[in-house]
Amino acid sequence: MVMRMIFGQQRVTGSHGPAIAGLVMVLVLTGPPLWRAFVILPGWKAKYLAFPAFLYLPILADYAVIRQVLNPLLAERNLSRNLLPGIPALVMGWGLLCLIIYLISHQRLRSLMQAA
């Protein structure tokens, strides 16, 4: 979305500028925290087993929960009735669950951002 705002709606075949700019933005924003976490982890097991696992587990969880469970439920129309205009009940419930998890864990998240 941001890249479309920056580069416009241009559809030029073979133009990889927006994709490369997006990749650079993601690497600049996520690279330093990931490197810091990798350096702080003690021992080779944590660095080479746990670190990659925590990079891939969210992707697998997203696939399992959202694509395999929630999307079929939404397609059945049982939980797709709108609570607010344009927001199905299932999406609202998922958002509230994520908010509750964040509120429970936000103090610990802040301590992770402080220098060790």
N, C-alpha and C. Protein backbone atom coordinates (compact mmCIF):
# COMPACT_ATOMS: atom_id res chain seq x y z
N MET A 1 0.83 -1.19 0.00
CA MET A 1 0.00 0.00 0.00
C MET A 1 0.87 1.25 0.00
N VAL A 2 1.86 1.28 0.89
CA VAL A 2 2.73 2.44 0.96
C VAL A 2 3.51 2.60 -0.33
N MET A 3 3.99 1.47 -0.88
CA MET A 3 4.75 1.54 -2.11
C MET A 3 3.88 2.03 -3.27
N ARG A 4 2.61 1.68 -3.27
CA ARG A 4 1.71 2.19 -4.31
C ARG A 4 1.51 3.68 -4.16
N MET A 5 1.48 4.16 -2.91
CA MET A 5 1.33 5.59 -2.69
C MET A 5 2.58 6.33 -3.16
N ILE A 6 3.75 5.75 -2.93
CA ILE A 6 5.00 6.39 -3.33
C ILE A 6 5.18 6.36 -4.84
N PHE A 7 4.99 5.20 -5.45
CA PHE A 7 5.27 5.04 -6.87
C PHE A 7 4.05 5.19 -7.76
N GLY A 8 2.88 5.31 -7.18
CA GLY A 8 1.67 5.44 -7.98
C GLY A 8 1.18 4.09 -8.46
N GLN A 9 0.17 4.09 -9.29
CA GLN A 9 -0.44 2.86 -9.80
C GLN A 9 0.18 2.43 -11.12
N GLN A 10 1.45 2.69 -11.32
CA GLN A 10 2.10 2.35 -12.58
C GLN A 10 2.21 0.84 -12.73
N ARG A 11 1.84 0.34 -13.89
CA ARG A 11 1.93 -1.09 -14.20
C ARG A 11 2.87 -1.25 -15.39
N VAL A 12 4.14 -1.08 -15.14
CA VAL A 12 5.13 -1.20 -16.21
C VAL A 12 5.73 -2.60 -16.15
N THR A 13 5.66 -3.34 -17.23
CA THR A 13 6.20 -4.69 -17.27
C THR A 13 7.72 -4.62 -17.16
N GLY A 14 8.28 -5.44 -16.27
CA GLY A 14 9.72 -5.47 -16.09
C GLY A 14 10.25 -4.44 -15.13
N SER A 15 9.39 -3.62 -14.56
CA SER A 15 9.84 -2.61 -13.61
C SER A 15 9.82 -3.19 -12.20
N HIS A 16 10.99 -3.41 -11.64
CA HIS A 16 11.09 -3.99 -10.32
C HIS A 16 11.41 -2.96 -9.25
N GLY A 17 11.38 -1.70 -9.60
CA GLY A 17 11.71 -0.62 -8.66
C GLY A 17 10.88 -0.64 -7.39
N PRO A 18 9.55 -0.67 -7.49
CA PRO A 18 8.74 -0.69 -6.27
C PRO A 18 9.00 -1.92 -5.40
N ALA A 19 9.18 -3.08 -6.02
CA ALA A 19 9.43 -4.30 -5.25
C ALA A 19 10.78 -4.22 -4.54
N ILE A 20 11.78 -3.72 -5.22
CA ILE A 20 13.11 -3.59 -4.61
C ILE A 20 13.07 -2.55 -3.50
N ALA A 21 12.37 -1.44 -3.72
CA ALA A 21 12.26 -0.41 -2.68
C ALA A 21 11.52 -0.97 -1.46
N GLY A 22 10.48 -1.77 -1.67
CA GLY A 22 9.77 -2.39 -0.56
C GLY A 22 10.64 -3.36 0.21
N LEU A 23 11.43 -4.15 -0.51
CA LEU A 23 12.34 -5.08 0.13
C LEU A 23 13.38 -4.35 0.97
N VAL A 24 13.92 -3.26 0.43
CA VAL A 24 14.91 -2.47 1.17
C VAL A 24 14.28 -1.88 2.43
N MET A 25 13.04 -1.37 2.31
CA MET A 25 12.36 -0.82 3.49
C MET A 25 12.17 -1.88 4.57
N VAL A 26 11.74 -3.07 4.18
CA VAL A 26 11.53 -4.15 5.15
C VAL A 26 12.84 -4.55 5.80
N LEU A 27 13.90 -4.68 5.02
CA LEU A 27 15.20 -5.06 5.57
C LEU A 27 15.76 -3.99 6.50
N VAL A 28 15.58 -2.73 6.16
CA VAL A 28 16.08 -1.65 7.01
C VAL A 28 15.32 -1.61 8.34
N LEU A 29 14.02 -1.87 8.30
CA LEU A 29 13.22 -1.81 9.52
C LEU A 29 13.33 -3.07 10.38
N THR A 30 13.53 -4.23 9.77
CA THR A 30 13.55 -5.47 10.55
C THR A 30 14.95 -6.02 10.77
N GLY A 31 15.89 -5.64 9.95
CA GLY A 31 17.25 -6.17 10.07
C GLY A 31 17.93 -5.90 11.40
N PRO A 32 18.01 -4.64 11.84
CA PRO A 32 18.71 -4.35 13.11
C PRO A 32 18.11 -5.06 14.33
N PRO A 33 16.77 -5.09 14.52
CA PRO A 33 16.26 -5.83 15.68
C PRO A 33 16.53 -7.33 15.60
N LEU A 34 16.45 -7.89 14.41
CA LEU A 34 16.73 -9.32 14.27
C LEU A 34 18.20 -9.62 14.54
N TRP A 35 19.10 -8.78 14.06
CA TRP A 35 20.52 -8.97 14.32
C TRP A 35 20.81 -8.85 15.81
N ARG A 36 20.20 -7.87 16.46
CA ARG A 36 20.40 -7.68 17.91
C ARG A 36 19.92 -8.91 18.68
N ALA A 37 18.78 -9.44 18.31
CA ALA A 37 18.26 -10.64 18.97
C ALA A 37 19.18 -11.82 18.74
N PHE A 38 19.71 -11.96 17.54
CA PHE A 38 20.61 -13.07 17.22
C PHE A 38 21.89 -12.98 18.05
N VAL A 39 22.43 -11.78 18.19
CA VAL A 39 23.68 -11.59 18.93
C VAL A 39 23.47 -11.82 20.42
N ILE A 40 22.33 -11.42 20.95
CA ILE A 40 22.06 -11.54 22.40
C ILE A 40 21.84 -12.99 22.81
N LEU A 41 21.30 -13.82 21.92
CA LEU A 41 21.00 -15.21 22.28
C LEU A 41 22.28 -15.96 22.69
N PRO A 42 22.20 -16.71 23.81
CA PRO A 42 23.39 -17.44 24.27
C PRO A 42 23.50 -18.81 23.59
N GLY A 43 24.70 -19.19 23.24
CA GLY A 43 24.95 -20.54 22.74
C GLY A 43 24.51 -20.76 21.31
N TRP A 44 25.08 -21.79 20.72
CA TRP A 44 24.78 -22.07 19.32
C TRP A 44 23.39 -22.67 19.13
N LYS A 45 22.88 -23.41 20.14
CA LYS A 45 21.55 -24.00 19.98
C LYS A 45 20.49 -22.91 19.86
N ALA A 46 20.59 -21.91 20.71
CA ALA A 46 19.61 -20.82 20.65
C ALA A 46 19.73 -20.05 19.35
N LYS A 47 20.97 -19.83 18.92
CA LYS A 47 21.17 -19.02 17.71
C LYS A 47 20.77 -19.75 16.44
N TYR A 48 21.10 -21.02 16.35
CA TYR A 48 20.90 -21.71 15.09
C TYR A 48 19.69 -22.65 15.07
N LEU A 49 19.06 -22.87 16.21
CA LEU A 49 17.85 -23.68 16.24
C LEU A 49 16.63 -22.86 16.63
N ALA A 50 16.71 -22.14 17.75
CA ALA A 50 15.56 -21.39 18.24
C ALA A 50 15.28 -20.16 17.39
N PHE A 51 16.32 -19.43 16.99
CA PHE A 51 16.12 -18.21 16.21
C PHE A 51 15.38 -18.48 14.89
N PRO A 52 15.84 -19.43 14.09
CA PRO A 52 15.08 -19.72 12.85
C PRO A 52 13.67 -20.24 13.14
N ALA A 53 13.52 -20.99 14.23
CA ALA A 53 12.18 -21.49 14.56
C ALA A 53 11.23 -20.34 14.83
N PHE A 54 11.69 -19.32 15.55
CA PHE A 54 10.83 -18.18 15.85
C PHE A 54 10.60 -17.29 14.62
N LEU A 55 11.42 -17.42 13.61
CA LEU A 55 11.16 -16.72 12.36
C LEU A 55 10.07 -17.43 11.55
N TYR A 56 10.06 -18.76 11.59
CA TYR A 56 9.13 -19.53 10.76
C TYR A 56 7.83 -19.90 11.48
N LEU A 57 7.83 -19.99 12.79
CA LEU A 57 6.61 -20.37 13.51
C LEU A 57 5.44 -19.41 13.27
N PRO A 58 5.65 -18.09 13.25
CA PRO A 58 4.51 -17.21 12.96
C PRO A 58 3.91 -17.44 11.57
N ILE A 59 4.76 -17.76 10.60
CA ILE A 59 4.25 -18.03 9.25
C ILE A 59 3.40 -19.30 9.26
N LEU A 60 3.89 -20.33 9.94
CA LEU A 60 3.13 -21.57 10.03
C LEU A 60 1.84 -21.38 10.82
N ALA A 61 1.90 -20.60 11.90
CA ALA A 61 0.70 -20.33 12.69
C ALA A 61 -0.33 -19.56 11.87
N ASP A 62 0.15 -18.59 11.09
CA ASP A 62 -0.76 -17.83 10.22
C ASP A 62 -1.45 -18.77 9.25
N TYR A 63 -0.69 -19.66 8.63
CA TYR A 63 -1.27 -20.59 7.67
C TYR A 63 -2.28 -21.51 8.35
N ALA A 64 -1.91 -22.05 9.50
CA ALA A 64 -2.78 -23.01 10.17
C ALA A 64 -4.04 -22.35 10.71
N VAL A 65 -3.90 -21.24 11.38
CA VAL A 65 -5.06 -20.63 12.04
C VAL A 65 -5.92 -19.86 11.06
N ILE A 66 -5.33 -18.95 10.34
CA ILE A 66 -6.13 -18.06 9.50
C ILE A 66 -6.59 -18.75 8.22
N ARG A 67 -5.69 -19.39 7.52
CA ARG A 67 -6.06 -19.95 6.22
C ARG A 67 -6.81 -21.26 6.34
N GLN A 68 -6.45 -22.09 7.30
CA GLN A 68 -7.07 -23.41 7.39
C GLN A 68 -8.31 -23.42 8.28
N VAL A 69 -8.39 -22.51 9.26
CA VAL A 69 -9.51 -22.54 10.19
C VAL A 69 -10.47 -21.36 9.97
N LEU A 70 -9.94 -20.14 10.05
CA LEU A 70 -10.81 -18.98 10.02
C LEU A 70 -11.41 -18.70 8.63
N ASN A 71 -10.64 -18.84 7.57
CA ASN A 71 -11.19 -18.59 6.24
C ASN A 71 -12.34 -19.53 5.88
N PRO A 72 -12.21 -20.84 6.15
CA PRO A 72 -13.38 -21.70 5.88
C PRO A 72 -14.61 -21.33 6.73
N LEU A 73 -14.38 -20.94 7.98
CA LEU A 73 -15.51 -20.51 8.81
C LEU A 73 -16.17 -19.26 8.24
N LEU A 74 -15.36 -18.36 7.74
CA LEU A 74 -15.91 -17.14 7.15
C LEU A 74 -16.66 -17.44 5.85
N ALA A 75 -16.17 -18.41 5.09
CA ALA A 75 -16.81 -18.78 3.83
C ALA A 75 -18.15 -19.47 4.04
N GLU A 76 -18.33 -20.14 5.19
CA GLU A 76 -19.60 -20.83 5.47
C GLU A 76 -20.74 -19.87 5.75
N ARG A 77 -20.44 -18.62 5.97
CA ARG A 77 -21.44 -17.58 6.24
C ARG A 77 -22.06 -17.67 7.63
N ASN A 78 -21.62 -18.61 8.47
CA ASN A 78 -22.17 -18.67 9.82
C ASN A 78 -21.70 -17.48 10.65
N LEU A 79 -20.43 -17.18 10.55
CA LEU A 79 -19.85 -16.10 11.34
C LEU A 79 -19.52 -14.88 10.50
N SER A 80 -20.09 -14.80 9.31
CA SER A 80 -19.77 -13.67 8.44
C SER A 80 -20.79 -12.55 8.51
N ARG A 81 -21.73 -12.63 9.43
CA ARG A 81 -22.69 -11.53 9.54
C ARG A 81 -21.98 -10.33 10.14
N ASN A 82 -22.28 -9.16 9.64
CA ASN A 82 -21.57 -7.94 10.02
C ASN A 82 -22.05 -7.41 11.36
N LEU A 83 -21.11 -7.21 12.29
CA LEU A 83 -21.42 -6.54 13.54
C LEU A 83 -21.39 -5.03 13.34
N LEU A 84 -20.36 -4.58 12.67
CA LEU A 84 -20.25 -3.19 12.24
C LEU A 84 -20.25 -3.21 10.72
N PRO A 85 -20.59 -2.11 10.09
CA PRO A 85 -20.64 -2.12 8.62
C PRO A 85 -19.30 -2.56 8.02
N GLY A 86 -19.33 -3.66 7.26
CA GLY A 86 -18.15 -4.15 6.58
C GLY A 86 -17.21 -5.00 7.41
N ILE A 87 -17.53 -5.27 8.68
CA ILE A 87 -16.66 -6.07 9.54
C ILE A 87 -17.42 -7.30 10.03
N PRO A 88 -17.10 -8.47 9.49
CA PRO A 88 -17.78 -9.69 9.94
C PRO A 88 -17.47 -10.01 11.40
N ALA A 89 -18.37 -10.74 12.04
CA ALA A 89 -18.22 -11.09 13.46
C ALA A 89 -16.94 -11.86 13.71
N LEU A 90 -16.58 -12.76 12.81
CA LEU A 90 -15.36 -13.56 12.98
C LEU A 90 -14.12 -12.68 12.96
N VAL A 91 -14.07 -11.72 12.07
CA VAL A 91 -12.92 -10.81 11.99
C VAL A 91 -12.87 -9.94 13.24
N MET A 92 -14.00 -9.49 13.71
CA MET A 92 -14.05 -8.68 14.93
C MET A 92 -13.58 -9.50 16.14
N GLY A 93 -14.01 -10.74 16.24
CA GLY A 93 -13.57 -11.60 17.34
C GLY A 93 -12.08 -11.87 17.30
N TRP A 94 -11.54 -12.12 16.11
CA TRP A 94 -10.10 -12.36 15.97
C TRP A 94 -9.31 -11.11 16.37
N GLY A 95 -9.77 -9.96 15.95
CA GLY A 95 -9.11 -8.71 16.33
C GLY A 95 -9.14 -8.48 17.83
N LEU A 96 -10.27 -8.76 18.45
CA LEU A 96 -10.37 -8.60 19.91
C LEU A 96 -9.46 -9.59 20.63
N LEU A 97 -9.37 -10.82 20.15
CA LEU A 97 -8.46 -11.79 20.76
C LEU A 97 -7.01 -11.32 20.66
N CYS A 98 -6.61 -10.81 19.51
CA CYS A 98 -5.24 -10.28 19.35
C CYS A 98 -5.01 -9.10 20.28
N LEU A 99 -6.00 -8.22 20.44
CA LEU A 99 -5.88 -7.08 21.34
C LEU A 99 -5.74 -7.54 22.79
N ILE A 100 -6.49 -8.53 23.20
CA ILE A 100 -6.41 -9.05 24.57
C ILE A 100 -5.02 -9.65 24.82
N ILE A 101 -4.51 -10.41 23.86
CA ILE A 101 -3.17 -11.00 24.02
C ILE A 101 -2.14 -9.89 24.12
N TYR A 102 -2.26 -8.85 23.31
CA TYR A 102 -1.32 -7.74 23.39
C TYR A 102 -1.40 -7.05 24.75
N LEU A 103 -2.59 -6.79 25.23
CA LEU A 103 -2.74 -6.10 26.52
C LEU A 103 -2.16 -6.92 27.68
N ILE A 104 -2.27 -8.23 27.60
CA ILE A 104 -1.70 -9.08 28.64
C ILE A 104 -0.18 -9.05 28.59
N SER A 105 0.40 -8.97 27.42
CA SER A 105 1.85 -9.12 27.28
C SER A 105 2.60 -7.83 26.97
N HIS A 106 1.95 -6.68 26.94
CA HIS A 106 2.64 -5.47 26.49
C HIS A 106 3.77 -5.03 27.42
N GLN A 107 3.67 -5.29 28.71
CA GLN A 107 4.77 -4.91 29.61
C GLN A 107 6.03 -5.70 29.29
N ARG A 108 5.88 -6.97 29.01
CA ARG A 108 7.05 -7.79 28.66
C ARG A 108 7.62 -7.39 27.31
N LEU A 109 6.77 -6.96 26.40
CA LEU A 109 7.25 -6.51 25.10
C LEU A 109 8.10 -5.26 25.24
N ARG A 110 7.73 -4.36 26.13
CA ARG A 110 8.53 -3.16 26.35
C ARG A 110 9.91 -3.50 26.88
N SER A 111 10.00 -4.48 27.78
CA SER A 111 11.30 -4.83 28.34
C SER A 111 12.22 -5.44 27.28
N LEU A 112 11.66 -6.03 26.24
CA LEU A 112 12.49 -6.58 25.17
C LEU A 112 13.16 -5.48 24.36
N MET A 113 12.57 -4.30 24.33
CA MET A 113 13.12 -3.21 23.53
C MET A 113 14.20 -2.45 24.26
N GLN A 114 14.36 -2.64 25.54
CA GLN A 114 15.39 -1.95 26.30
C GLN A 114 16.74 -2.62 26.09
N ALA A 115 17.78 -1.80 26.14
CA ALA A 115 19.14 -2.33 25.96
C ALA A 115 19.50 -3.26 27.11
N ALA A 116 20.17 -4.35 26.78
CA ALA A 116 20.55 -5.32 27.80
C ALA A 116 21.81 -4.93 28.51
